Amino acid sequence: MKEIKLIGEYITLGQLLKLENYVLTGGEAKIFLTDNKIYVNDILENRRGRKLYINDVIKINNKLYKII
């Protein structure tokens, strides 16, 4: 599980996808979310604007990320 250190109050799912180099732009993030199953705290998520907070666990293509 990779830990993502949060600097502000939250990070959006789209920002996380860009940070981890899954996508380069918000438009690509929208497409990526429709083509891939992404889970936030074991709940399927498809909104790139979804706010991620400390202790959230995100699963992207069988890779786990935890917001710390």
C-alpha atoms as a PDB file:
ATOM      1  CA  MET A   1       0.000   0.000   0.000  1.00  0.00           C
ATOM      2  CA  LYS A   2       1.441   3.348  -1.044  1.00  0.00           C
ATOM      3  CA  GLU A   3       0.868   6.254   1.320  1.00  0.00           C
ATOM      4  CA  ILE A   4      -0.044   9.670  -0.071  1.00  0.00           C
ATOM      5  CA  LYS A   5       0.766  12.526   2.302  1.00  0.00           C
ATOM      6  CA  LEU A   6      -1.999  15.110   2.401  1.00  0.00           C
ATOM      7  CA  ILE A   7      -0.849  18.721   2.582  1.00  0.00           C
ATOM      8  CA  GLY A   8      -4.226  20.481   2.631  1.00  0.00           C
ATOM      9  CA  GLU A   9      -7.632  19.460   3.943  1.00  0.00           C
ATOM     10  CA  TYR A  10      -8.294  17.036   1.065  1.00  0.00           C
ATOM     11  CA  ILE A  11      -7.230  15.963  -2.432  1.00  0.00           C
ATOM     12  CA  THR A  12      -9.651  15.087  -5.222  1.00  0.00           C
ATOM     13  CA  LEU A  13      -9.652  11.735  -6.955  1.00  0.00           C
ATOM     14  CA  GLY A  14      -8.725  13.475 -10.217  1.00  0.00           C
ATOM     15  CA  GLN A  15      -5.711  15.092  -8.548  1.00  0.00           C
ATOM     16  CA  LEU A  16      -4.634  11.718  -7.169  1.00  0.00           C
ATOM     17  CA  LEU A  17      -4.852  10.174 -10.640  1.00  0.00           C
ATOM     18  CA  LYS A  18      -2.623  12.964 -11.979  1.00  0.00           C
ATOM     19  CA  LEU A  19      -0.213  12.700  -9.044  1.00  0.00           C
ATOM     20  CA  GLU A  20       0.235   8.960  -9.624  1.00  0.00           C
ATOM     21  CA  ASN A  21       0.634   9.459 -13.405  1.00  0.00           C
ATOM     22  CA  TYR A  22      -2.476   7.559 -14.438  1.00  0.00           C
ATOM     23  CA  VAL A  23      -3.606  10.636 -16.410  1.00  0.00           C
ATOM     24  CA  LEU A  24      -2.252  14.035 -17.449  1.00  0.00           C
ATOM     25  CA  THR A  25      -5.453  16.130 -17.462  1.00  0.00           C
ATOM     26  CA  GLY A  26      -8.879  16.309 -15.857  1.00  0.00           C
ATOM     27  CA  GLY A  27     -10.456  15.285 -19.157  1.00  0.00           C
ATOM     28  CA  GLU A  28      -8.335  12.164 -19.243  1.00  0.00           C
ATOM     29  CA  ALA A  29      -9.325  11.474 -15.633  1.00  0.00           C
ATOM     30  CA  LYS A  30     -12.998  11.484 -16.613  1.00  0.00           C
ATOM     31  CA  ILE A  31     -12.350   8.892 -19.321  1.00  0.00           C
ATOM     32  CA  PHE A  32     -10.070   6.850 -17.034  1.00  0.00           C
ATOM     33  CA  LEU A  33     -12.845   6.664 -14.434  1.00  0.00           C
ATOM     34  CA  THR A  34     -15.345   5.298 -16.952  1.00  0.00           C
ATOM     35  CA  ASP A  35     -12.887   2.667 -18.223  1.00  0.00           C
ATOM     36  CA  ASN A  36     -11.530   1.466 -14.857  1.00  0.00           C
ATOM     37  CA  LYS A  37     -13.006   0.371 -11.549  1.00  0.00           C
ATOM     38  CA  ILE A  38     -11.792   2.592  -8.729  1.00  0.00           C
ATOM     39  CA  TYR A  39     -12.842   2.029  -5.140  1.00  0.00           C
ATOM     40  CA  VAL A  40     -12.721   4.525  -2.294  1.00  0.00           C
ATOM     41  CA  ASN A  41     -13.096   2.773   1.059  1.00  0.00           C
ATOM     42  CA  ASP A  42     -14.443  -0.310  -0.796  1.00  0.00           C
ATOM     43  CA  ILE A  43     -17.161   1.700  -2.567  1.00  0.00           C
ATOM     44  CA  LEU A  44     -17.064   1.986  -6.367  1.00  0.00           C
ATOM     45  CA  GLU A  45     -16.385   5.602  -7.333  1.00  0.00           C
ATOM     46  CA  ASN A  46     -16.666   7.359 -10.693  1.00  0.00           C
ATOM     47  CA  ARG A  47     -16.478  11.063  -9.752  1.00  0.00           C
ATOM     48  CA  ARG A  48     -13.130  12.734 -10.388  1.00  0.00           C
ATOM     49  CA  GLY A  49     -14.125  15.499  -7.971  1.00  0.00           C
ATOM     50  CA  ARG A  50     -14.565  13.038  -5.081  1.00  0.00           C
ATOM     51  CA  LYS A  51     -12.768  14.496  -2.074  1.00  0.00           C
ATOM     52  CA  LEU A  52     -10.281  12.193  -0.394  1.00  0.00           C
ATOM     53  CA  TYR A  53      -9.442  12.746   3.256  1.00  0.00           C
ATOM     54  CA  ILE A  54      -6.968  11.314   5.769  1.00  0.00           C
ATOM     55  CA  ASN A  55      -7.354   7.523   6.226  1.00  0.00           C
ATOM     56  CA  ASP A  56      -9.251   7.034   2.953  1.00  0.00           C
ATOM     57  CA  VAL A  57      -8.074   3.931   1.076  1.00  0.00           C
ATOM     58  CA  ILE A  58      -8.228   4.007  -2.714  1.00  0.00           C
ATOM     59  CA  LYS A  59      -7.916   0.954  -4.959  1.00  0.00           C
ATOM     60  CA  ILE A  60      -6.895   1.625  -8.565  1.00  0.00           C
ATOM     61  CA  ASN A  61      -6.175  -1.352 -10.836  1.00  0.00           C
ATOM     62  CA  ASN A  62      -5.394  -3.589  -7.830  1.00  0.00           C
ATOM     63  CA  LYS A  63      -2.977  -1.026  -6.348  1.00  0.00           C
ATOM     64  CA  LEU A  64      -3.804   0.409  -2.947  1.00  0.00           C
ATOM     65  CA  TYR A  65      -3.223   3.984  -1.815  1.00  0.00           C
ATOM     66  CA  LYS A  66      -3.849   5.423   1.643  1.00  0.00           C
ATOM     67  CA  ILE A  67      -4.216   9.117   2.372  1.00  0.00           C
ATOM     68  CA  ILE A  68      -2.151  10.099   5.398  1.00  0.00           C
END
